[in-house]
C-alpha atoms as a PDB file:
ATOM      1  CA  ASN A   1       6.043   0.461  -2.521  1.00  0.00           C
ATOM      2  CA  ILE A   2       2.712   2.099  -3.239  1.00  0.00           C
ATOM      3  CA  GLY A   3       1.829  -0.278  -6.314  1.00  0.00           C
ATOM      4  CA  LEU A   4       2.611  -3.543  -4.107  1.00  0.00           C
ATOM      5  CA  ILE A   5       0.130  -2.104  -1.538  1.00  0.00           C
ATOM      6  CA  ASN A   6      -2.650  -1.035  -4.222  1.00  0.00           C
ATOM      7  CA  ASN A   7      -2.346  -4.622  -5.681  1.00  0.00           C
ATOM      8  CA  LEU A   8      -2.633  -6.208  -2.610  1.00  0.00           C
ATOM      9  CA  SER A   9      -5.739  -4.507  -2.251  1.00  0.00           C
ATOM     10  CA  SER A  10      -7.162  -5.723  -5.441  1.00  0.00           C
ATOM     11  CA  TYR A  11      -6.326  -9.639  -5.537  1.00  0.00           C
ATOM     12  CA  GLY A  12      -3.458 -10.173  -3.291  1.00  0.00           C
ATOM     13  CA  HIS A  13      -3.892 -11.541   0.688  1.00  0.00           C
ATOM     14  CA  LEU A  14      -1.149 -11.970   3.390  1.00  0.00           C
ATOM     15  CA  ASN A  15      -0.624 -15.544   4.420  1.00  0.00           C
ATOM     16  CA  LYS A  16       0.009 -16.468   7.534  1.00  0.00           C
ATOM     17  CA  TYR A  17       4.069 -15.611   7.391  1.00  0.00           C
ATOM     18  CA  GLY A  18       3.096 -12.705   6.416  1.00  0.00           C
ATOM     19  CA  PHE A  19       3.845 -13.078   2.864  1.00  0.00           C
ATOM     20  CA  ILE A  20       2.136 -11.707  -0.168  1.00  0.00           C
ATOM     21  CA  GLN A  21       0.187 -14.181  -2.320  1.00  0.00           C
ATOM     22  CA  THR A  22      -1.889 -13.957  -5.456  1.00  0.00           C
ATOM     23  CA  PRO A  23      -4.439 -16.160  -7.047  1.00  0.00           C
ATOM     24  CA  TYR A  24      -4.121 -18.253  -9.880  1.00  0.00           C
ATOM     25  CA  ARG A  25      -6.371 -20.654 -11.920  1.00  0.00           C
ATOM     26  CA  LYS A  26      -5.131 -24.020 -12.000  1.00  0.00           C
ATOM     27  CA  VAL A  27      -4.645 -25.936 -15.323  1.00  0.00           C
ATOM     28  CA  ASP A  28      -5.012 -29.800 -15.398  1.00  0.00           C
ATOM     29  CA  ARG A  29      -2.118 -31.022 -17.048  1.00  0.00           C
ATOM     30  CA  ALA A  30      -3.900 -34.363 -17.882  1.00  0.00           C
ATOM     31  CA  THR A  31      -6.992 -32.693 -19.760  1.00  0.00           C
ATOM     32  CA  GLY A  32      -5.214 -29.128 -20.560  1.00  0.00           C
ATOM     33  CA  LYS A  33      -8.537 -27.763 -18.932  1.00  0.00           C
ATOM     34  CA  VAL A  34      -8.041 -24.408 -17.466  1.00  0.00           C
ATOM     35  CA  THR A  35     -10.449 -24.998 -14.080  1.00  0.00           C
ATOM     36  CA  ASN A  36     -11.969 -22.885 -11.923  1.00  0.00           C
ATOM     37  CA  GLU A  37     -10.035 -23.768  -9.124  1.00  0.00           C
ATOM     38  CA  ILE A  38      -8.231 -21.246  -7.564  1.00  0.00           C
ATOM     39  CA  VAL A  39      -4.382 -21.579  -5.805  1.00  0.00           C
ATOM     40  CA  TRP A  40      -2.682 -18.995  -3.755  1.00  0.00           C
ATOM     41  CA  LEU A  41       1.112 -18.751  -4.279  1.00  0.00           C
ATOM     42  CA  THR A  42       3.833 -16.284  -3.203  1.00  0.00           C
ATOM     43  CA  ALA A  43       6.331 -14.804  -5.895  1.00  0.00           C
ATOM     44  CA  ASP A  44       9.057 -17.665  -5.129  1.00  0.00           C
ATOM     45  CA  GLU A  45       6.370 -20.264  -5.228  1.00  0.00           C
ATOM     46  CA  GLU A  46       5.406 -18.763  -8.848  1.00  0.00           C
ATOM     47  CA  ASP A  47       8.899 -19.314 -10.250  1.00  0.00           C
ATOM     48  CA  GLU A  48       8.222 -22.824  -9.840  1.00  0.00           C
ATOM     49  CA  TYR A  49       5.659 -22.689 -12.737  1.00  0.00           C
ATOM     50  CA  THR A  50       4.688 -21.408 -15.753  1.00  0.00           C
ATOM     51  CA  VAL A  51       1.641 -19.214 -15.541  1.00  0.00           C
ATOM     52  CA  ALA A  52      -0.156 -18.284 -18.734  1.00  0.00           C
ATOM     53  CA  GLN A  53      -1.619 -14.257 -19.060  1.00  0.00           C
ATOM     54  CA  ALA A  54      -5.535 -14.173 -17.879  1.00  0.00           C
ATOM     55  CA  ASN A  55      -6.305 -13.361 -21.773  1.00  0.00           C
ATOM     56  CA  SER A  56      -5.107 -16.267 -23.362  1.00  0.00           C
ATOM     57  CA  LYS A  57      -8.203 -17.302 -25.646  1.00  0.00           C
ATOM     58  CA  LEU A  58      -9.857 -20.915 -24.416  1.00  0.00           C
ATOM     59  CA  ASN A  59     -12.093 -23.228 -26.113  1.00  0.00           C
ATOM     60  CA  ALA A  60     -15.620 -23.670 -24.935  1.00  0.00           C
ATOM     61  CA  ASP A  61     -14.067 -26.621 -22.999  1.00  0.00           C
ATOM     62  CA  GLY A  62     -11.842 -24.511 -21.257  1.00  0.00           C
ATOM     63  CA  THR A  63      -8.893 -25.822 -23.182  1.00  0.00           C
ATOM     64  CA  PHE A  64      -6.245 -23.535 -24.609  1.00  0.00           C
ATOM     65  CA  ALA A  65      -7.228 -22.379 -28.353  1.00  0.00           C
ATOM     66  CA  GLU A  66      -4.086 -21.564 -29.371  1.00  0.00           C
ATOM     67  CA  LYS A  67      -0.961 -24.139 -28.813  1.00  0.00           C
ATOM     68  CA  VAL A  68       0.640 -21.491 -27.467  1.00  0.00           C
ATOM     69  CA  VAL A  69       0.518 -18.848 -25.487  1.00  0.00           C
ATOM     70  CA  MET A  70       2.007 -15.702 -23.954  1.00  0.00           C
ATOM     71  CA  GLY A  71       3.605 -16.279 -20.360  1.00  0.00           C
ATOM     72  CA  ARG A  72       5.917 -16.678 -17.945  1.00  0.00           C
ATOM     73  CA  HIS A  73       8.775 -18.630 -15.967  1.00  0.00           C
ATOM     74  CA  GLN A  74      11.145 -17.299 -13.560  1.00  0.00           C
ATOM     75  CA  GLY A  75      10.250 -13.969 -14.338  1.00  0.00           C
ATOM     76  CA  VAL A  76      10.733 -14.370 -18.248  1.00  0.00           C
ATOM     77  CA  ASN A  77       7.765 -13.355 -20.105  1.00  0.00           C
ATOM     78  CA  GLN A  78       7.608 -15.047 -23.678  1.00  0.00           C
ATOM     79  CA  GLU A  79       5.416 -17.578 -25.668  1.00  0.00           C
ATOM     80  CA  TYR A  80       4.967 -20.953 -23.984  1.00  0.00           C
ATOM     81  CA  PRO A  81       3.496 -24.635 -25.239  1.00  0.00           C
ATOM     82  CA  ALA A  82       0.017 -24.511 -23.868  1.00  0.00           C
ATOM     83  CA  SER A  83       0.693 -27.803 -22.767  1.00  0.00           C
ATOM     84  CA  SER A  84       3.342 -26.500 -20.594  1.00  0.00           C
ATOM     85  CA  VAL A  85       1.488 -24.235 -18.579  1.00  0.00           C
ATOM     86  CA  ASP A  86       0.566 -24.917 -15.052  1.00  0.00           C
ATOM     87  CA  TYR A  87      -1.458 -21.932 -13.754  1.00  0.00           C
ATOM     88  CA  MET A  88      -3.510 -18.915 -15.471  1.00  0.00           C
ATOM     89  CA  ASP A  89      -3.617 -15.293 -14.016  1.00  0.00           C
ATOM     90  CA  VAL A  90      -7.026 -14.715 -12.637  1.00  0.00           C
ATOM     91  CA  SER A  91      -7.488 -11.306 -14.353  1.00  0.00           C
ATOM     92  CA  PRO A  92      -5.544  -8.920 -16.949  1.00  0.00           C
ATOM     93  CA  LYS A  93      -5.173  -6.391 -14.031  1.00  0.00           C
ATOM     94  CA  GLN A  94      -3.678  -8.736 -11.981  1.00  0.00           C
ATOM     95  CA  VAL A  95       0.074  -7.893 -11.938  1.00  0.00           C
ATOM     96  CA  VAL A  96      -0.954  -4.053 -11.991  1.00  0.00           C
ATOM     97  CA  ALA A  97      -1.930  -1.798  -9.209  1.00  0.00           C
ATOM     98  CA  VAL A  98      -5.204  -0.298  -8.958  1.00  0.00           C
ATOM     99  CA  ALA A  99      -4.377   2.968 -10.140  1.00  0.00           C
ATOM    100  CA  THR A 100      -2.706   1.877 -13.233  1.00  0.00           C
ATOM    101  CA  ALA A 101      -5.771  -0.928 -13.903  1.00  0.00           C
ATOM    102  CA  CYS A 102      -8.025   2.368 -14.020  1.00  0.00           C
ATOM    103  CA  ILE A 103      -5.727   3.848 -17.114  1.00  0.00           C
END
């Protein structure tokens, strides 16, 4: 899949088992803050978590500005309570290939 290969060159890498991983910013559920800690997850690992879109608005203290954010969980894209978010995409271009991101 050419899109997957191009996307890999932007944000992904292969883990020691040869699976593609992509980076996510960890959300501290206790404080509600989006941290700068990067966690690399495979697609099947990501399915276990709620991931907010990278363009979600944040307050100056790193908490979500809205009580509800767009995200995905187990492949379902919809609004989720900010309090239920585990990770945040590192870039809005993370889910598209390099050529697509240039448009």
